[in-house]
Amino acid sequence: MEKIYLTEDELNLIREGNANSNNIKTLLGEIELHKYELLKQHSQLVDSFRANEVTLVEKYGADSVIDLKTGEVKLKE
């Protein structure tokens, strides 16, 4: 049986498409790793916030409202 080959242009087109696909897959993997790190950091931030919230509730009471601009503590009305 006679061997059949792609033209150089056809082969280059397939190689380029394959390389582009692989690059995109690599970038998606990097994005997922970055997403995982961000989610981990967010979880740590939430844990820290909750610990600080407990301390503030103990100090100022559960019915306190803090103005984030001024730091003023008021009781809920």
N, C-alpha and C. Protein backbone atom coordinates (compact mmCIF):
# COMPACT_ATOMS: atom_id res chain seq x y z
N MET A 1 0.85 -1.18 0.00
CA MET A 1 0.00 0.00 0.00
C MET A 1 0.89 1.24 0.00
N GLU A 2 0.47 2.20 -0.76
CA GLU A 2 1.24 3.44 -0.89
C GLU A 2 1.01 4.35 0.31
N LYS A 3 2.08 4.92 0.81
CA LYS A 3 1.98 5.86 1.94
C LYS A 3 1.48 7.20 1.44
N ILE A 4 0.58 7.80 2.27
CA ILE A 4 0.03 9.11 1.93
C ILE A 4 0.47 10.08 3.01
N TYR A 5 0.92 11.26 2.62
CA TYR A 5 1.39 12.27 3.55
C TYR A 5 0.60 13.56 3.38
N LEU A 6 0.45 14.27 4.47
CA LEU A 6 -0.15 15.60 4.42
C LEU A 6 0.80 16.54 3.70
N THR A 7 0.25 17.61 3.18
CA THR A 7 1.13 18.64 2.64
C THR A 7 1.80 19.35 3.82
N GLU A 8 2.87 20.04 3.53
CA GLU A 8 3.57 20.78 4.58
C GLU A 8 2.65 21.79 5.25
N ASP A 9 1.81 22.47 4.47
CA ASP A 9 0.85 23.44 5.03
C ASP A 9 -0.17 22.75 5.93
N GLU A 10 -0.68 21.60 5.51
CA GLU A 10 -1.65 20.87 6.32
C GLU A 10 -1.04 20.40 7.63
N LEU A 11 0.18 19.88 7.54
CA LEU A 11 0.88 19.41 8.73
C LEU A 11 1.16 20.56 9.69
N ASN A 12 1.59 21.68 9.16
CA ASN A 12 1.85 22.86 10.00
C ASN A 12 0.57 23.36 10.66
N LEU A 13 -0.54 23.31 9.94
CA LEU A 13 -1.82 23.74 10.49
C LEU A 13 -2.21 22.85 11.67
N ILE A 14 -2.05 21.55 11.52
CA ILE A 14 -2.38 20.62 12.60
C ILE A 14 -1.43 20.80 13.78
N ARG A 15 -0.15 20.94 13.50
CA ARG A 15 0.83 21.14 14.58
C ARG A 15 0.55 22.42 15.35
N GLU A 16 0.23 23.49 14.62
CA GLU A 16 -0.06 24.78 15.26
C GLU A 16 -1.32 24.68 16.13
N GLY A 17 -2.34 24.04 15.61
CA GLY A 17 -3.58 23.87 16.39
C GLY A 17 -3.33 23.05 17.63
N ASN A 18 -2.55 21.99 17.51
CA ASN A 18 -2.22 21.13 18.66
C ASN A 18 -1.41 21.90 19.70
N ALA A 19 -0.44 22.68 19.24
CA ALA A 19 0.38 23.47 20.17
C ALA A 19 -0.47 24.52 20.88
N ASN A 20 -1.36 25.17 20.13
CA ASN A 20 -2.24 26.18 20.74
C ASN A 20 -3.17 25.54 21.76
N SER A 21 -3.69 24.38 21.44
CA SER A 21 -4.57 23.67 22.38
C SER A 21 -3.81 23.31 23.65
N ASN A 22 -2.59 22.81 23.50
CA ASN A 22 -1.78 22.46 24.67
C ASN A 22 -1.45 23.68 25.52
N ASN A 23 -1.16 24.80 24.86
CA ASN A 23 -0.88 26.04 25.61
C ASN A 23 -2.09 26.48 26.41
N ILE A 24 -3.27 26.38 25.81
CA ILE A 24 -4.49 26.77 26.51
C ILE A 24 -4.74 25.85 27.70
N LYS A 25 -4.52 24.56 27.52
CA LYS A 25 -4.69 23.61 28.63
C LYS A 25 -3.73 23.93 29.77
N THR A 26 -2.51 24.28 29.43
CA THR A 26 -1.53 24.64 30.45
C THR A 26 -1.96 25.89 31.20
N LEU A 27 -2.43 26.89 30.46
CA LEU A 27 -2.90 28.12 31.09
C LEU A 27 -4.10 27.87 31.99
N LEU A 28 -5.01 27.01 31.54
CA LEU A 28 -6.17 26.67 32.38
C LEU A 28 -5.73 25.99 33.67
N GLY A 29 -4.73 25.13 33.58
CA GLY A 29 -4.20 24.48 34.78
C GLY A 29 -3.60 25.50 35.73
N GLU A 30 -2.87 26.46 35.19
CA GLU A 30 -2.28 27.51 36.02
C GLU A 30 -3.36 28.35 36.68
N ILE A 31 -4.43 28.62 35.94
CA ILE A 31 -5.55 29.38 36.51
C ILE A 31 -6.18 28.61 37.66
N GLU A 32 -6.36 27.31 37.49
CA GLU A 32 -6.94 26.49 38.55
C GLU A 32 -6.06 26.49 39.79
N LEU A 33 -4.75 26.40 39.60
CA LEU A 33 -3.83 26.45 40.75
C LEU A 33 -3.92 27.79 41.45
N HIS A 34 -3.98 28.86 40.67
CA HIS A 34 -4.11 30.20 41.25
C HIS A 34 -5.44 30.33 41.98
N LYS A 35 -6.49 29.79 41.38
CA LYS A 35 -7.81 29.82 42.02
C LYS A 35 -7.77 29.08 43.35
N TYR A 36 -7.12 27.92 43.38
CA TYR A 36 -7.00 27.14 44.61
C TYR A 36 -6.29 27.96 45.69
N GLU A 37 -5.20 28.61 45.33
CA GLU A 37 -4.45 29.43 46.29
C GLU A 37 -5.30 30.59 46.80
N LEU A 38 -6.05 31.23 45.91
CA LEU A 38 -6.91 32.34 46.32
C LEU A 38 -8.02 31.85 47.26
N LEU A 39 -8.60 30.71 46.95
CA LEU A 39 -9.64 30.15 47.82
C LEU A 39 -9.08 29.82 49.19
N LYS A 40 -7.87 29.29 49.22
CA LYS A 40 -7.20 28.96 50.49
C LYS A 40 -6.95 30.24 51.29
N GLN A 41 -6.45 31.28 50.63
CA GLN A 41 -6.20 32.56 51.30
C GLN A 41 -7.51 33.16 51.82
N HIS A 42 -8.56 33.05 51.02
CA HIS A 42 -9.86 33.59 51.44
C HIS A 42 -10.37 32.84 52.66
N SER A 43 -10.21 31.54 52.67
CA SER A 43 -10.65 30.74 53.82
C SER A 43 -9.90 31.16 55.08
N GLN A 44 -8.60 31.38 54.95
CA GLN A 44 -7.80 31.83 56.10
C GLN A 44 -8.26 33.22 56.55
N LEU A 45 -8.57 34.08 55.61
CA LEU A 45 -9.04 35.42 55.94
C LEU A 45 -10.37 35.36 56.68
N VAL A 46 -11.27 34.51 56.22
CA VAL A 46 -12.57 34.36 56.87
C VAL A 46 -12.38 33.83 58.29
N ASP A 47 -11.50 32.85 58.47
CA ASP A 47 -11.23 32.32 59.81
C ASP A 47 -10.70 33.41 60.73
N SER A 48 -9.78 34.21 60.22
CA SER A 48 -9.21 35.31 61.00
C SER A 48 -10.28 36.34 61.34
N PHE A 49 -11.11 36.66 60.36
CA PHE A 49 -12.20 37.63 60.58
C PHE A 49 -13.15 37.13 61.66
N ARG A 50 -13.49 35.85 61.60
CA ARG A 50 -14.41 35.30 62.61
C ARG A 50 -13.79 35.34 64.01
N ALA A 51 -12.51 35.07 64.11
CA ALA A 51 -11.84 35.13 65.41
C ALA A 51 -11.86 36.56 65.94
N ASN A 52 -11.58 37.53 65.06
CA ASN A 52 -11.63 38.94 65.46
C ASN A 52 -13.04 39.36 65.84
N GLU A 53 -14.01 38.83 65.11
CA GLU A 53 -15.41 39.16 65.39
C GLU A 53 -15.81 38.68 66.79
N VAL A 54 -15.36 37.49 67.16
CA VAL A 54 -15.67 36.95 68.50
C VAL A 54 -15.08 37.87 69.57
N THR A 55 -13.86 38.31 69.37
CA THR A 55 -13.21 39.21 70.32
C THR A 55 -13.97 40.53 70.44
N LEU A 56 -14.38 41.08 69.30
CA LEU A 56 -15.11 42.35 69.32
C LEU A 56 -16.49 42.21 69.95
N VAL A 57 -17.15 41.09 69.68
CA VAL A 57 -18.47 40.84 70.28
C VAL A 57 -18.33 40.74 71.80
N GLU A 58 -17.29 40.06 72.26
CA GLU A 58 -17.05 39.95 73.70
C GLU A 58 -16.79 41.32 74.32
N LYS A 59 -16.08 42.17 73.59
CA LYS A 59 -15.72 43.48 74.13
C LYS A 59 -16.85 44.49 74.03
N TYR A 60 -17.56 44.53 72.88
CA TYR A 60 -18.55 45.58 72.65
C TYR A 60 -19.99 45.10 72.66
N GLY A 61 -20.21 43.79 72.68
CA GLY A 61 -21.56 43.25 72.72
C GLY A 61 -22.05 42.83 71.34
N ALA A 62 -22.97 41.87 71.35
CA ALA A 62 -23.49 41.31 70.10
C ALA A 62 -24.36 42.29 69.33
N ASP A 63 -24.90 43.28 70.01
CA ASP A 63 -25.78 44.25 69.35
C ASP A 63 -25.04 45.49 68.87
N SER A 64 -23.73 45.42 68.79
CA SER A 64 -22.94 46.57 68.36
C SER A 64 -22.81 46.59 66.83
N VAL A 65 -22.75 47.82 66.33
CA VAL A 65 -22.53 48.04 64.90
C VAL A 65 -21.31 48.95 64.78
N ILE A 66 -20.38 48.56 63.94
CA ILE A 66 -19.15 49.34 63.79
C ILE A 66 -19.19 50.09 62.46
N ASP A 67 -18.97 51.39 62.53
CA ASP A 67 -18.86 52.20 61.32
C ASP A 67 -17.45 51.98 60.77
N LEU A 68 -17.35 51.33 59.60
CA LEU A 68 -16.04 50.99 59.04
C LEU A 68 -15.24 52.21 58.58
N LYS A 69 -15.90 53.32 58.37
CA LYS A 69 -15.19 54.53 57.97
C LYS A 69 -14.54 55.22 59.16
N THR A 70 -15.26 55.28 60.28
CA THR A 70 -14.79 56.06 61.43
C THR A 70 -14.31 55.19 62.60
N GLY A 71 -14.78 53.95 62.65
CA GLY A 71 -14.44 53.09 63.78
C GLY A 71 -15.39 53.27 64.96
N GLU A 72 -16.40 54.12 64.80
CA GLU A 72 -17.34 54.35 65.88
C GLU A 72 -18.20 53.10 66.11
N VAL A 73 -18.39 52.79 67.38
CA VAL A 73 -19.20 51.64 67.78
C VAL A 73 -20.54 52.16 68.30
N LYS A 74 -21.61 51.66 67.71
CA LYS A 74 -22.96 52.06 68.14
C LYS A 74 -23.75 50.80 68.45
N LEU A 75 -24.78 50.97 69.26
CA LEU A 75 -25.70 49.86 69.52
C LEU A 75 -26.78 49.86 68.44
N LYS A 76 -27.24 48.67 68.05
CA LYS A 76 -28.33 48.59 67.09
C LYS A 76 -29.55 49.27 67.67
N GLU A 77 -30.26 49.95 66.81
CA GLU A 77 -31.46 50.67 67.26
C GLU A 77 -32.68 49.83 67.06
